[in-house]
Structure formats: structure tokens, C-alpha cells
Amino acid sequence: MVLENTVNKGGGCCWALPEIQLIRGVCDERQLVLHLDGARLFNALVAQGGTPREYGALFDTISICLSKGLGAPAGSLLLGSRERIGKAHRLRKLMGGGMRQVGYLAAAGSYALDHHVARLEEDHYKARALAGELQSLPFIAAVLPVETNIVIFELDISVSTETFLAYLLQRDIKALSFGKQAIRFVFHMDVSDGEFETLCSVMRMFRGRID
């Protein structure tokens, strides 16, 4: 069984630890292995105040991405028992995976874990601030609750998703279509305060274009 934390299509929301404990109990009853897709696990830890050790006790394997909010140039980690990691190494080789001379990437990942976890709150703050801005704009139909660094919102039915994304791209702002009228923004360490202010200004300017 696999859980994802934070939940991408849930707008970066987090699983509550008691819920995960209940799921762990079901897996134990039915002899199921429980894996955590923890690409943004540290966002969840920063938002909810949990600890890595608590998660380690609940999952058989955990994957963590170092190149999203933590800012490493590349890399991910797979955590688990020695037996499971050994099996994963074999499967990786069978599928053609593996890299040589990865010391530099490992160093970047180590630096990210040591220095970039606490600053994830800056990304969460920007996401919450953007959500507040979006709720004041007439061409926004709905905004999902924001818990971490992902903002998902729906455009009014009168606004074309393609037109809106093209408008942003012309101003060097990239966003992702996430459904018929849904748009996703993700904040990370490379989005400066100045760029955030520019984003808010650009969004307000689009309101002026349709009034």
C-alpha cells in the first residue's frame, strides 16, 4: 500500500499522524507492506511539527526527494530495512538505473537536509499569502485550502485556462493546468520575495483585463 505526503492533488495537504497510524494497523492485520511517497515529506513535517523518526516507525519504506523544496540539484532517498534496500538495489540495476561518481550530488543532498528544512516555512507563507490574494480576485471560482507550498485554484468558467496560462507565460510565470479549470502553483526556494510580489501584481492585472 502507498500513501503520499504531502498530497499533490490535494493542494499540498498533509496526512494527520493518527490517520496514518490507523492505516498502519490495517496493513498489519492484512500483512501488507506500507510505503510512503514522501517527495515533500519535510514540508509535511514543517507544517505539522512531526519528526522523521515517527514516520520511520510507521512505514516499511519511505522515499524522499531532495530536489524539490529542499533545493538540491538532483537526488532522492529510499529508506527501509537492509533487506528491502538490497532488493531495491537489484531491481534498480535490472531496470538500468544507477549512477557513478555521485559524491557531488550526495554532498548537495546532505547540505539540503542540514540547511533547507526550516526555510520551507517561507514557501508555505508565500503559498498562504497567494491563496489570500486569489480569494479577492473576481475571476477565481475557488481556492483549495493551503497547508504547505502548493496552491490549487479554479478559474471562473468564463476564463479560458489556455488564455490564462498564456498570459502568465508571456510574463515569465510558469503554472500547470490541473484539470478543466484548475491551475497549480508550487513555491520553492528559487522564488524570491520580489518575484512573489510580481506574481501578485500580474494576477491583479489580469483582473483589470476582464473587468
N, C-alpha and C. Protein backbone atom coordinates (compact mmCIF):
# COMPACT_ATOMS: atom_id res chain seq x y z
N MET A 1 0.85 -1.18 0.00
CA MET A 1 0.00 0.00 0.00
C MET A 1 0.89 1.24 0.00
N VAL A 2 0.42 2.32 -0.64
CA VAL A 2 1.22 3.53 -0.76
C VAL A 2 0.41 4.74 -0.31
N LEU A 3 1.03 5.58 0.51
CA LEU A 3 0.48 6.89 0.85
C LEU A 3 1.41 7.96 0.30
N GLU A 4 0.86 9.11 -0.02
CA GLU A 4 1.64 10.25 -0.48
C GLU A 4 1.50 11.37 0.54
N ASN A 5 2.62 11.97 0.95
CA ASN A 5 2.58 13.06 1.91
C ASN A 5 3.72 14.04 1.61
N THR A 6 3.44 15.30 1.20
CA THR A 6 2.12 15.89 1.11
C THR A 6 1.37 15.36 -0.11
N VAL A 7 0.04 15.61 -0.14
CA VAL A 7 -0.80 15.09 -1.22
C VAL A 7 -0.82 16.12 -2.35
N ASN A 8 -0.24 15.78 -3.47
CA ASN A 8 -0.10 16.72 -4.58
C ASN A 8 -1.46 17.23 -5.07
N LYS A 9 -2.35 16.32 -5.47
CA LYS A 9 -3.64 16.73 -6.00
C LYS A 9 -4.58 17.24 -4.91
N GLY A 10 -4.17 17.11 -3.68
CA GLY A 10 -4.93 17.70 -2.57
C GLY A 10 -4.43 19.09 -2.22
N GLY A 11 -3.63 19.69 -3.12
CA GLY A 11 -3.14 21.04 -2.87
C GLY A 11 -2.06 21.11 -1.82
N GLY A 12 -1.29 20.02 -1.66
CA GLY A 12 -0.21 20.03 -0.69
C GLY A 12 -0.66 19.78 0.74
N CYS A 13 -1.88 19.23 0.92
CA CYS A 13 -2.35 18.96 2.28
C CYS A 13 -1.60 17.76 2.86
N CYS A 14 -1.70 17.62 4.18
CA CYS A 14 -0.90 16.61 4.89
C CYS A 14 -1.81 15.57 5.56
N TRP A 15 -1.31 14.35 5.59
CA TRP A 15 -1.96 13.32 6.40
C TRP A 15 -1.70 13.60 7.87
N ALA A 16 -2.74 13.47 8.70
CA ALA A 16 -2.57 13.56 10.15
C ALA A 16 -1.97 12.25 10.65
N LEU A 17 -1.05 12.34 11.59
CA LEU A 17 -0.35 11.15 12.08
C LEU A 17 -1.30 10.08 12.62
N PRO A 18 -2.36 10.46 13.37
CA PRO A 18 -3.29 9.41 13.84
C PRO A 18 -3.95 8.64 12.70
N GLU A 19 -4.22 9.31 11.58
CA GLU A 19 -4.81 8.61 10.42
C GLU A 19 -3.83 7.59 9.86
N ILE A 20 -2.55 7.99 9.79
CA ILE A 20 -1.54 7.06 9.28
C ILE A 20 -1.41 5.86 10.22
N GLN A 21 -1.50 6.10 11.52
CA GLN A 21 -1.40 5.01 12.49
C GLN A 21 -2.54 4.00 12.30
N LEU A 22 -3.73 4.50 12.00
CA LEU A 22 -4.85 3.60 11.73
C LEU A 22 -4.60 2.77 10.48
N ILE A 23 -4.07 3.40 9.44
CA ILE A 23 -3.76 2.68 8.20
C ILE A 23 -2.67 1.63 8.45
N ARG A 24 -1.69 2.00 9.26
CA ARG A 24 -0.64 1.04 9.62
C ARG A 24 -1.23 -0.20 10.29
N GLY A 25 -2.23 0.04 11.14
CA GLY A 25 -2.89 -1.08 11.81
C GLY A 25 -3.59 -2.00 10.83
N VAL A 26 -4.27 -1.43 9.83
CA VAL A 26 -4.94 -2.24 8.81
C VAL A 26 -3.91 -3.05 8.02
N CYS A 27 -2.79 -2.42 7.67
CA CYS A 27 -1.74 -3.13 6.93
C CYS A 27 -1.18 -4.29 7.74
N ASP A 28 -1.01 -4.08 9.03
CA ASP A 28 -0.50 -5.16 9.89
C ASP A 28 -1.50 -6.32 9.94
N GLU A 29 -2.78 -5.98 10.04
CA GLU A 29 -3.81 -7.03 10.10
C GLU A 29 -3.82 -7.87 8.82
N ARG A 30 -3.58 -7.23 7.69
CA ARG A 30 -3.69 -7.91 6.40
C ARG A 30 -2.33 -8.24 5.78
N GLN A 31 -1.29 -8.07 6.57
CA GLN A 31 0.08 -8.39 6.15
C GLN A 31 0.46 -7.66 4.86
N LEU A 32 0.17 -6.36 4.83
CA LEU A 32 0.51 -5.51 3.70
C LEU A 32 1.72 -4.65 4.03
N VAL A 33 2.57 -4.44 3.03
CA VAL A 33 3.69 -3.53 3.17
C VAL A 33 3.18 -2.11 2.94
N LEU A 34 3.65 -1.16 3.74
CA LEU A 34 3.21 0.24 3.63
C LEU A 34 4.38 1.12 3.21
N HIS A 35 4.24 1.77 2.05
CA HIS A 35 5.29 2.66 1.52
C HIS A 35 4.80 4.10 1.56
N LEU A 36 5.71 5.02 1.86
CA LEU A 36 5.40 6.45 1.84
C LEU A 36 6.10 7.11 0.67
N ASP A 37 5.30 7.66 -0.26
CA ASP A 37 5.84 8.56 -1.27
C ASP A 37 5.99 9.91 -0.57
N GLY A 38 7.18 10.13 -0.04
CA GLY A 38 7.43 11.33 0.76
C GLY A 38 8.24 12.36 0.01
N ALA A 39 7.93 12.56 -1.27
CA ALA A 39 8.67 13.54 -2.06
C ALA A 39 8.73 14.89 -1.35
N ARG A 40 7.62 15.27 -0.69
CA ARG A 40 7.57 16.53 0.06
C ARG A 40 7.35 16.25 1.55
N LEU A 41 7.91 15.18 2.05
CA LEU A 41 7.70 14.81 3.45
C LEU A 41 8.13 15.93 4.40
N PHE A 42 9.24 16.61 4.11
CA PHE A 42 9.71 17.63 5.03
C PHE A 42 8.77 18.84 5.05
N ASN A 43 8.05 19.09 3.96
CA ASN A 43 7.01 20.12 4.00
C ASN A 43 5.94 19.73 5.03
N ALA A 44 5.56 18.45 5.03
CA ALA A 44 4.56 17.98 5.99
C ALA A 44 5.09 18.09 7.42
N LEU A 45 6.35 17.75 7.63
CA LEU A 45 6.93 17.84 8.97
C LEU A 45 6.99 19.28 9.46
N VAL A 46 7.36 20.20 8.57
CA VAL A 46 7.42 21.61 8.95
C VAL A 46 6.02 22.14 9.25
N ALA A 47 5.04 21.74 8.45
CA ALA A 47 3.68 22.24 8.62
C ALA A 47 3.01 21.68 9.87
N GLN A 48 3.29 20.41 10.20
CA GLN A 48 2.57 19.76 11.29
C GLN A 48 3.40 19.52 12.54
N GLY A 49 4.72 19.70 12.43
CA GLY A 49 5.56 19.56 13.61
C GLY A 49 5.91 18.14 14.01
N GLY A 50 5.76 17.18 13.09
CA GLY A 50 6.14 15.81 13.40
C GLY A 50 7.64 15.61 13.30
N THR A 51 8.09 14.37 13.49
CA THR A 51 9.51 14.05 13.42
C THR A 51 9.74 12.93 12.42
N PRO A 52 10.91 12.90 11.78
CA PRO A 52 11.22 11.80 10.86
C PRO A 52 11.13 10.44 11.54
N ARG A 53 11.51 10.36 12.80
CA ARG A 53 11.50 9.07 13.50
C ARG A 53 10.08 8.52 13.64
N GLU A 54 9.11 9.42 13.85
CA GLU A 54 7.72 8.96 13.95
C GLU A 54 7.26 8.32 12.64
N TYR A 55 7.64 8.91 11.53
CA TYR A 55 7.27 8.34 10.24
C TYR A 55 8.02 7.04 9.97
N GLY A 56 9.29 7.01 10.37
CA GLY A 56 10.07 5.80 10.17
C GLY A 56 9.49 4.59 10.88
N ALA A 57 8.80 4.83 11.99
CA ALA A 57 8.20 3.73 12.75
C ALA A 57 6.92 3.21 12.11
N LEU A 58 6.34 3.97 11.20
CA LEU A 58 5.04 3.61 10.64
C LEU A 58 5.11 3.00 9.24
N PHE A 59 6.20 3.21 8.54
CA PHE A 59 6.29 2.76 7.15
C PHE A 59 7.39 1.72 6.98
N ASP A 60 7.19 0.80 6.03
CA ASP A 60 8.22 -0.18 5.72
C ASP A 60 9.30 0.44 4.83
N THR A 61 8.88 1.30 3.92
CA THR A 61 9.83 2.03 3.08
C THR A 61 9.34 3.47 2.92
N ILE A 62 10.29 4.39 2.76
CA ILE A 62 9.98 5.81 2.56
C ILE A 62 10.89 6.35 1.47
N SER A 63 10.30 7.06 0.51
CA SER A 63 11.11 7.77 -0.49
C SER A 63 11.01 9.26 -0.21
N ILE A 64 12.15 9.95 -0.34
CA ILE A 64 12.21 11.39 -0.09
C ILE A 64 12.93 12.05 -1.25
N CYS A 65 12.38 13.14 -1.77
CA CYS A 65 13.02 13.88 -2.85
C CYS A 65 13.85 15.02 -2.27
N LEU A 66 15.08 15.15 -2.74
CA LEU A 66 15.97 16.21 -2.26
C LEU A 66 15.98 17.42 -3.19
N SER A 67 15.34 17.30 -4.36
CA SER A 67 15.46 18.34 -5.37
C SER A 67 14.20 19.17 -5.54
N LYS A 68 13.24 19.03 -4.65
CA LYS A 68 12.05 19.89 -4.70
C LYS A 68 12.26 21.04 -3.73
N GLY A 69 11.53 21.08 -2.66
CA GLY A 69 11.65 22.21 -1.74
C GLY A 69 12.99 22.32 -1.07
N LEU A 70 13.71 21.23 -0.93
CA LEU A 70 15.00 21.27 -0.24
C LEU A 70 16.11 21.85 -1.09
N GLY A 71 15.91 21.94 -2.40
CA GLY A 71 16.81 22.72 -3.24
C GLY A 71 18.07 22.04 -3.72
N ALA A 72 18.24 20.73 -3.49
CA ALA A 72 19.40 20.04 -4.05
C ALA A 72 19.23 19.95 -5.58
N PRO A 73 20.33 19.92 -6.35
CA PRO A 73 20.20 19.90 -7.81
C PRO A 73 19.55 18.63 -8.34
N ALA A 74 19.65 17.54 -7.61
CA ALA A 74 19.05 16.28 -8.03
C ALA A 74 19.11 15.33 -6.84
N GLY A 75 18.44 14.20 -6.98
CA GLY A 75 18.61 13.16 -5.98
C GLY A 75 17.37 12.86 -5.17
N SER A 76 17.26 11.61 -4.75
CA SER A 76 16.20 11.18 -3.84
C SER A 76 16.75 10.05 -2.97
N LEU A 77 16.06 9.78 -1.89
CA LEU A 77 16.47 8.75 -0.94
C LEU A 77 15.39 7.69 -0.83
N LEU A 78 15.80 6.44 -0.68
CA LEU A 78 14.88 5.37 -0.34
C LEU A 78 15.32 4.80 1.00
N LEU A 79 14.42 4.82 1.96
CA LEU A 79 14.72 4.37 3.31
C LEU A 79 13.95 3.09 3.60
N GLY A 80 14.59 2.17 4.30
CA GLY A 80 13.94 0.92 4.66
C GLY A 80 14.93 -0.02 5.32
N SER A 81 14.51 -1.27 5.54
CA SER A 81 15.39 -2.25 6.14
C SER A 81 16.50 -2.63 5.16
N ARG A 82 17.56 -3.21 5.69
CA ARG A 82 18.67 -3.64 4.84
C ARG A 82 18.19 -4.62 3.77
N GLU A 83 17.28 -5.50 4.14
CA GLU A 83 16.77 -6.48 3.19
C GLU A 83 16.00 -5.80 2.06
N ARG A 84 15.14 -4.85 2.40
CA ARG A 84 14.34 -4.18 1.37
C ARG A 84 15.22 -3.31 0.47
N ILE A 85 16.20 -2.64 1.05
CA ILE A 85 17.09 -1.80 0.26
C ILE A 85 17.92 -2.66 -0.69
N GLY A 86 18.34 -3.82 -0.22
CA GLY A 86 19.08 -4.74 -1.09
C GLY A 86 18.25 -5.17 -2.29
N LYS A 87 16.97 -5.46 -2.05
CA LYS A 87 16.08 -5.83 -3.15
C LYS A 87 15.88 -4.66 -4.10
N ALA A 88 15.76 -3.46 -3.54
CA ALA A 88 15.58 -2.27 -4.38
C ALA A 88 16.80 -2.02 -5.25
N HIS A 89 18.01 -2.23 -4.71
CA HIS A 89 19.23 -2.07 -5.50
C HIS A 89 19.23 -3.02 -6.69
N ARG A 90 18.82 -4.25 -6.45
CA ARG A 90 18.81 -5.24 -7.53
C ARG A 90 17.81 -4.84 -8.60
N LEU A 91 16.62 -4.43 -8.17
CA LEU A 91 15.60 -4.03 -9.14
C LEU A 91 16.04 -2.80 -9.94
N ARG A 92 16.73 -1.89 -9.28
CA ARG A 92 17.22 -0.70 -9.99
C ARG A 92 18.20 -1.10 -11.09
N LYS A 93 19.08 -2.02 -10.79
CA LYS A 93 20.05 -2.46 -11.80
C LYS A 93 19.36 -3.21 -12.94
N LEU A 94 18.35 -4.01 -12.61
CA LEU A 94 17.62 -4.74 -13.64
C LEU A 94 16.93 -3.79 -14.60
N MET A 95 16.53 -2.62 -14.08
CA MET A 95 15.81 -1.64 -14.90
C MET A 95 16.76 -0.62 -15.53
N GLY A 96 18.06 -0.82 -15.37
CA GLY A 96 19.04 0.05 -16.00
C GLY A 96 19.41 1.28 -15.21
N GLY A 97 19.02 1.33 -13.95
CA GLY A 97 19.33 2.50 -13.13
C GLY A 97 20.72 2.43 -12.54
N GLY A 98 21.11 3.52 -11.90
CA GLY A 98 22.41 3.58 -11.24
C GLY A 98 23.27 4.67 -11.83
N MET A 99 24.08 5.31 -11.00
CA MET A 99 24.96 6.39 -11.44
C MET A 99 26.33 6.20 -10.81
N ARG A 100 27.35 6.65 -11.52
CA ARG A 100 28.70 6.64 -10.97
C ARG A 100 29.08 8.05 -10.55
N GLN A 101 30.03 8.14 -9.66
CA GLN A 101 30.61 9.42 -9.24
C GLN A 101 29.54 10.40 -8.78
N VAL A 102 28.72 9.93 -7.83
CA VAL A 102 27.61 10.76 -7.36
C VAL A 102 27.96 11.51 -6.07
N GLY A 103 29.24 11.56 -5.74
CA GLY A 103 29.64 12.23 -4.50
C GLY A 103 29.20 13.67 -4.42
N TYR A 104 29.31 14.41 -5.52
CA TYR A 104 28.91 15.82 -5.52
C TYR A 104 27.41 15.96 -5.26
N LEU A 105 26.61 15.10 -5.90
CA LEU A 105 25.18 15.15 -5.67
C LEU A 105 24.84 14.75 -4.23
N ALA A 106 25.54 13.76 -3.70
CA ALA A 106 25.31 13.36 -2.31
C ALA A 106 25.63 14.50 -1.36
N ALA A 107 26.70 15.24 -1.65
CA ALA A 107 27.07 16.38 -0.81
C ALA A 107 25.99 17.46 -0.85
N ALA A 108 25.44 17.70 -2.06
CA ALA A 108 24.37 18.69 -2.18
C ALA A 108 23.13 18.24 -1.41
N GLY A 109 22.81 16.96 -1.48
CA GLY A 109 21.68 16.44 -0.74
C GLY A 109 21.87 16.56 0.76
N SER A 110 23.08 16.27 1.23
CA SER A 110 23.39 16.40 2.65
C SER A 110 23.25 17.86 3.11
N TYR A 111 23.72 18.78 2.27
CA TYR A 111 23.61 20.21 2.60
C TYR A 111 22.14 20.62 2.67
N ALA A 112 21.35 20.13 1.71
CA ALA A 112 19.92 20.47 1.70
C ALA A 112 19.22 20.01 2.98
N LEU A 113 19.53 18.81 3.44
CA LEU A 113 18.92 18.30 4.67
C LEU A 113 19.35 19.09 5.89
N ASP A 114 20.59 19.56 5.89
CA ASP A 114 21.11 20.30 7.05
C ASP A 114 20.65 21.75 7.08
N HIS A 115 20.40 22.35 5.91
CA HIS A 115 20.20 23.80 5.86
C HIS A 115 18.86 24.26 5.29
N HIS A 116 18.11 23.39 4.62
CA HIS A 116 16.96 23.88 3.88
C HIS A 116 15.61 23.39 4.41
N VAL A 117 15.60 22.65 5.50
CA VAL A 117 14.32 22.15 6.02
C VAL A 117 13.53 23.27 6.70
N ALA A 118 14.15 23.99 7.61
CA ALA A 118 13.42 25.03 8.35
C ALA A 118 12.89 26.12 7.43
N ARG A 119 13.62 26.43 6.36
CA ARG A 119 13.21 27.51 5.48
C ARG A 119 11.99 27.15 4.61
N LEU A 120 11.55 25.90 4.66
CA LEU A 120 10.35 25.52 3.92
C LEU A 120 9.15 26.36 4.38
N GLU A 121 9.18 26.83 5.63
CA GLU A 121 8.09 27.66 6.12
C GLU A 121 7.95 28.93 5.30
N GLU A 122 9.04 29.44 4.71
CA GLU A 122 8.96 30.61 3.84
C GLU A 122 8.10 30.31 2.62
N ASP A 123 8.26 29.11 2.05
CA ASP A 123 7.44 28.71 0.90
C ASP A 123 5.97 28.58 1.31
N HIS A 124 5.74 28.01 2.50
CA HIS A 124 4.37 27.86 2.99
C HIS A 124 3.71 29.22 3.19
N TYR A 125 4.48 30.17 3.69
CA TYR A 125 3.95 31.53 3.91
C TYR A 125 3.53 32.17 2.58
N LYS A 126 4.39 32.05 1.58
CA LYS A 126 4.06 32.63 0.26
C LYS A 126 2.80 31.97 -0.31
N ALA A 127 2.69 30.65 -0.14
CA ALA A 127 1.52 29.95 -0.67
C ALA A 127 0.25 30.44 0.01
N ARG A 128 0.29 30.60 1.33
CA ARG A 128 -0.89 31.09 2.04
C ARG A 128 -1.23 32.52 1.62
N ALA A 129 -0.18 33.34 1.45
CA ALA A 129 -0.41 34.73 1.03
C ALA A 129 -1.02 34.79 -0.36
N LEU A 130 -0.55 33.93 -1.27
CA LEU A 130 -1.13 33.91 -2.61
C LEU A 130 -2.58 33.46 -2.56
N ALA A 131 -2.87 32.46 -1.74
CA ALA A 131 -4.25 31.99 -1.62
C ALA A 131 -5.16 33.13 -1.17
N GLY A 132 -4.70 33.93 -0.22
CA GLY A 132 -5.48 35.08 0.21
C GLY A 132 -5.70 36.08 -0.90
N GLU A 133 -4.66 36.31 -1.71
CA GLU A 133 -4.77 37.21 -2.85
C GLU A 133 -5.77 36.67 -3.86
N LEU A 134 -5.69 35.39 -4.15
CA LEU A 134 -6.58 34.78 -5.14
C LEU A 134 -8.04 34.89 -4.74
N GLN A 135 -8.32 34.76 -3.45
CA GLN A 135 -9.70 34.78 -2.99
C GLN A 135 -10.36 36.14 -3.20
N SER A 136 -9.54 37.17 -3.44
CA SER A 136 -10.09 38.51 -3.65
C SER A 136 -10.30 38.83 -5.13
N LEU A 137 -9.93 37.92 -6.03
CA LEU A 137 -9.99 38.20 -7.45
C LEU A 137 -11.28 37.65 -8.06
N PRO A 138 -11.96 38.42 -8.89
CA PRO A 138 -13.28 38.01 -9.39
C PRO A 138 -13.25 36.85 -10.38
N PHE A 139 -12.09 36.59 -11.00
CA PHE A 139 -12.04 35.50 -11.99
C PHE A 139 -11.64 34.17 -11.37
N ILE A 140 -11.53 34.12 -10.04
CA ILE A 140 -11.21 32.88 -9.34
C ILE A 140 -12.48 32.31 -8.74
N ALA A 141 -12.82 31.09 -9.11
CA ALA A 141 -14.05 30.47 -8.61
C ALA A 141 -13.87 29.82 -7.25
N ALA A 142 -12.69 29.23 -7.01
CA ALA A 142 -12.45 28.52 -5.74
C ALA A 142 -10.95 28.35 -5.54
N VAL A 143 -10.55 28.27 -4.28
CA VAL A 143 -9.15 28.01 -3.91
C VAL A 143 -9.14 26.88 -2.89
N LEU A 144 -8.38 25.83 -3.16
CA LEU A 144 -8.26 24.75 -2.18
C LEU A 144 -7.55 25.24 -0.93
N PRO A 145 -7.89 24.70 0.24
CA PRO A 145 -7.16 25.08 1.46
C PRO A 145 -5.67 24.83 1.29
N VAL A 146 -4.87 25.78 1.75
CA VAL A 146 -3.41 25.70 1.59
C VAL A 146 -2.78 25.34 2.93
N GLU A 147 -2.03 24.24 2.95
CA GLU A 147 -1.35 23.82 4.17
C GLU A 147 0.16 23.89 4.03
N THR A 148 0.66 23.69 2.81
CA THR A 148 2.11 23.71 2.64
C THR A 148 2.47 24.64 1.49
N ASN A 149 3.16 24.15 0.45
CA ASN A 149 3.69 25.03 -0.59
C ASN A 149 2.97 24.94 -1.92
N ILE A 150 1.87 24.20 -1.98
CA ILE A 150 1.12 24.02 -3.21
C ILE A 150 -0.18 24.81 -3.15
N VAL A 151 -0.47 25.53 -4.23
CA VAL A 151 -1.71 26.30 -4.33
C VAL A 151 -2.47 25.82 -5.58
N ILE A 152 -3.66 25.29 -5.38
CA ILE A 152 -4.51 24.85 -6.48
C ILE A 152 -5.80 25.67 -6.43
N PHE A 153 -6.14 26.27 -7.56
CA PHE A 153 -7.35 27.09 -7.60
C PHE A 153 -8.07 26.85 -8.92
N GLU A 154 -9.35 27.22 -8.94
CA GLU A 154 -10.17 27.05 -10.14
C GLU A 154 -10.54 28.40 -10.71
N LEU A 155 -10.37 28.54 -12.02
CA LEU A 155 -10.78 29.74 -12.72
C LEU A 155 -12.29 29.75 -12.93
N ASP A 156 -12.86 30.95 -12.97
CA ASP A 156 -14.26 31.07 -13.33
C ASP A 156 -14.47 30.46 -14.71
N ILE A 157 -15.67 29.92 -14.92
CA ILE A 157 -15.96 29.22 -16.17
C ILE A 157 -15.85 30.15 -17.37
N SER A 158 -15.92 31.47 -17.14
CA SER A 158 -15.83 32.42 -18.24
C SER A 158 -14.39 32.65 -18.70
N VAL A 159 -13.42 32.12 -17.95
CA VAL A 159 -12.00 32.33 -18.26
C VAL A 159 -11.41 31.06 -18.85
N SER A 160 -10.78 31.17 -20.00
CA SER A 160 -10.12 30.03 -20.63
C SER A 160 -8.81 29.71 -19.92
N THR A 161 -8.63 28.44 -19.57
CA THR A 161 -7.38 28.02 -18.94
C THR A 161 -6.19 28.31 -19.84
N GLU A 162 -6.33 28.03 -21.13
CA GLU A 162 -5.24 28.25 -22.08
C GLU A 162 -4.88 29.74 -22.16
N THR A 163 -5.89 30.60 -22.17
CA THR A 163 -5.65 32.04 -22.24
C THR A 163 -4.93 32.52 -20.99
N PHE A 164 -5.36 32.02 -19.84
CA PHE A 164 -4.75 32.43 -18.57
C PHE A 164 -3.30 31.99 -18.48
N LEU A 165 -3.02 30.73 -18.85
CA LEU A 165 -1.64 30.22 -18.79
C LEU A 165 -0.75 30.96 -19.79
N ALA A 166 -1.29 31.27 -20.96
CA ALA A 166 -0.51 32.02 -21.95
C ALA A 166 -0.19 33.42 -21.44
N TYR A 167 -1.15 34.04 -20.78
CA TYR A 167 -0.95 35.36 -20.18
C TYR A 167 0.20 35.32 -19.17
N LEU A 168 0.21 34.28 -18.32
CA LEU A 168 1.29 34.15 -17.34
C LEU A 168 2.63 33.91 -18.02
N LEU A 169 2.65 33.02 -19.01
CA LEU A 169 3.90 32.65 -19.65
C LEU A 169 4.53 33.85 -20.37
N GLN A 170 3.70 34.72 -20.92
CA GLN A 170 4.22 35.93 -21.56
C GLN A 170 4.95 36.83 -20.57
N ARG A 171 4.67 36.62 -19.29
CA ARG A 171 5.31 37.40 -18.23
C ARG A 171 6.29 36.55 -17.43
N ASP A 172 6.76 35.47 -18.06
CA ASP A 172 7.78 34.57 -17.49
C ASP A 172 7.32 33.90 -16.20
N ILE A 173 6.04 33.61 -16.09
CA ILE A 173 5.50 32.90 -14.95
C ILE A 173 4.94 31.57 -15.44
N LYS A 174 5.44 30.47 -14.88
CA LYS A 174 5.01 29.15 -15.30
C LYS A 174 4.06 28.56 -14.26
N ALA A 175 2.94 28.04 -14.75
CA ALA A 175 1.98 27.35 -13.91
C ALA A 175 1.53 26.10 -14.64
N LEU A 176 0.78 25.25 -13.95
CA LEU A 176 0.38 23.96 -14.51
C LEU A 176 -1.13 23.83 -14.51
N SER A 177 -1.69 23.44 -15.64
CA SER A 177 -3.11 23.11 -15.69
C SER A 177 -3.32 21.81 -14.93
N PHE A 178 -4.34 21.80 -14.07
CA PHE A 178 -4.55 20.65 -13.19
C PHE A 178 -5.97 20.11 -13.31
N GLY A 179 -6.56 20.34 -14.47
CA GLY A 179 -7.93 19.92 -14.71
C GLY A 179 -8.60 20.93 -15.62
N LYS A 180 -9.91 20.78 -15.81
CA LYS A 180 -10.62 21.62 -16.76
C LYS A 180 -10.44 23.10 -16.48
N GLN A 181 -10.62 23.54 -15.24
CA GLN A 181 -10.47 24.95 -14.88
C GLN A 181 -9.45 25.14 -13.76
N ALA A 182 -8.75 24.08 -13.38
CA ALA A 182 -7.85 24.14 -12.23
C ALA A 182 -6.42 24.50 -12.65
N ILE A 183 -5.77 25.29 -11.81
CA ILE A 183 -4.39 25.71 -12.01
C ILE A 183 -3.61 25.41 -10.74
N ARG A 184 -2.34 25.00 -10.91
CA ARG A 184 -1.48 24.71 -9.74
C ARG A 184 -0.24 25.59 -9.77
N PHE A 185 0.04 26.23 -8.63
CA PHE A 185 1.32 26.89 -8.38
C PHE A 185 2.05 26.13 -7.28
N VAL A 186 3.39 26.07 -7.38
CA VAL A 186 4.20 25.48 -6.32
C VAL A 186 5.33 26.45 -5.98
N PHE A 187 5.48 26.75 -4.69
CA PHE A 187 6.55 27.64 -4.24
C PHE A 187 7.76 26.84 -3.77
N HIS A 188 8.96 27.38 -4.06
CA HIS A 188 10.21 26.74 -3.67
C HIS A 188 11.25 27.82 -3.41
N MET A 189 12.43 27.40 -3.06
CA MET A 189 13.44 28.34 -2.59
C MET A 189 13.94 29.31 -3.66
N ASP A 190 13.69 29.01 -4.92
CA ASP A 190 14.14 29.89 -6.01
C ASP A 190 13.14 30.99 -6.33
N VAL A 191 12.00 31.02 -5.63
CA VAL A 191 11.02 32.10 -5.81
C VAL A 191 11.31 33.16 -4.75
N SER A 192 11.85 34.29 -5.18
CA SER A 192 12.23 35.35 -4.25
C SER A 192 11.00 36.16 -3.82
N ASP A 193 11.20 37.00 -2.79
CA ASP A 193 10.12 37.87 -2.34
C ASP A 193 9.70 38.81 -3.47
N GLY A 194 10.68 39.33 -4.22
CA GLY A 194 10.36 40.22 -5.33
C GLY A 194 9.56 39.53 -6.41
N GLU A 195 9.90 38.29 -6.71
CA GLU A 195 9.16 37.53 -7.72
C GLU A 195 7.75 37.23 -7.25
N PHE A 196 7.61 36.99 -5.95
CA PHE A 196 6.28 36.77 -5.40
C PHE A 196 5.42 38.02 -5.56
N GLU A 197 5.98 39.18 -5.26
CA GLU A 197 5.23 40.42 -5.42
C GLU A 197 4.85 40.65 -6.88
N THR A 198 5.77 40.30 -7.79
CA THR A 198 5.47 40.42 -9.22
C THR A 198 4.31 39.51 -9.60
N LEU A 199 4.32 38.28 -9.08
CA LEU A 199 3.22 37.35 -9.37
C LEU A 199 1.89 37.93 -8.93
N CYS A 200 1.83 38.46 -7.71
CA CYS A 200 0.58 39.03 -7.22
C CYS A 200 0.13 40.20 -8.09
N SER A 201 1.07 41.03 -8.51
CA SER A 201 0.75 42.16 -9.36
C SER A 201 0.20 41.70 -10.71
N VAL A 202 0.85 40.68 -11.29
CA VAL A 202 0.40 40.14 -12.57
C VAL A 202 -1.01 39.56 -12.46
N MET A 203 -1.31 38.89 -11.35
CA MET A 203 -2.65 38.35 -11.16
C MET A 203 -3.68 39.47 -11.08
N ARG A 204 -3.35 40.56 -10.38
CA ARG A 204 -4.29 41.67 -10.28
C ARG A 204 -4.49 42.35 -11.64
N MET A 205 -3.43 42.40 -12.44
CA MET A 205 -3.54 42.99 -13.78
C MET A 205 -4.48 42.18 -14.66
N PHE A 206 -4.48 40.88 -14.50
CA PHE A 206 -5.41 40.06 -15.28
C PHE A 206 -6.85 40.37 -14.91
N ARG A 207 -7.09 40.67 -13.65
CA ARG A 207 -8.44 41.08 -13.24
C ARG A 207 -8.86 42.33 -14.01
N GLY A 208 -7.93 43.29 -14.15
CA GLY A 208 -8.23 44.51 -14.87
C GLY A 208 -8.57 44.25 -16.32
N ARG A 209 -7.97 43.19 -16.90
CA ARG A 209 -8.19 42.89 -18.32
C ARG A 209 -9.61 42.37 -18.58
N ILE A 210 -10.26 41.79 -17.56
CA ILE A 210 -11.58 41.20 -17.81
C ILE A 210 -12.71 41.99 -17.19
N ASP A 211 -12.40 43.02 -16.38
CA ASP A 211 -13.46 43.83 -15.78
C ASP A 211 -14.21 44.63 -16.84
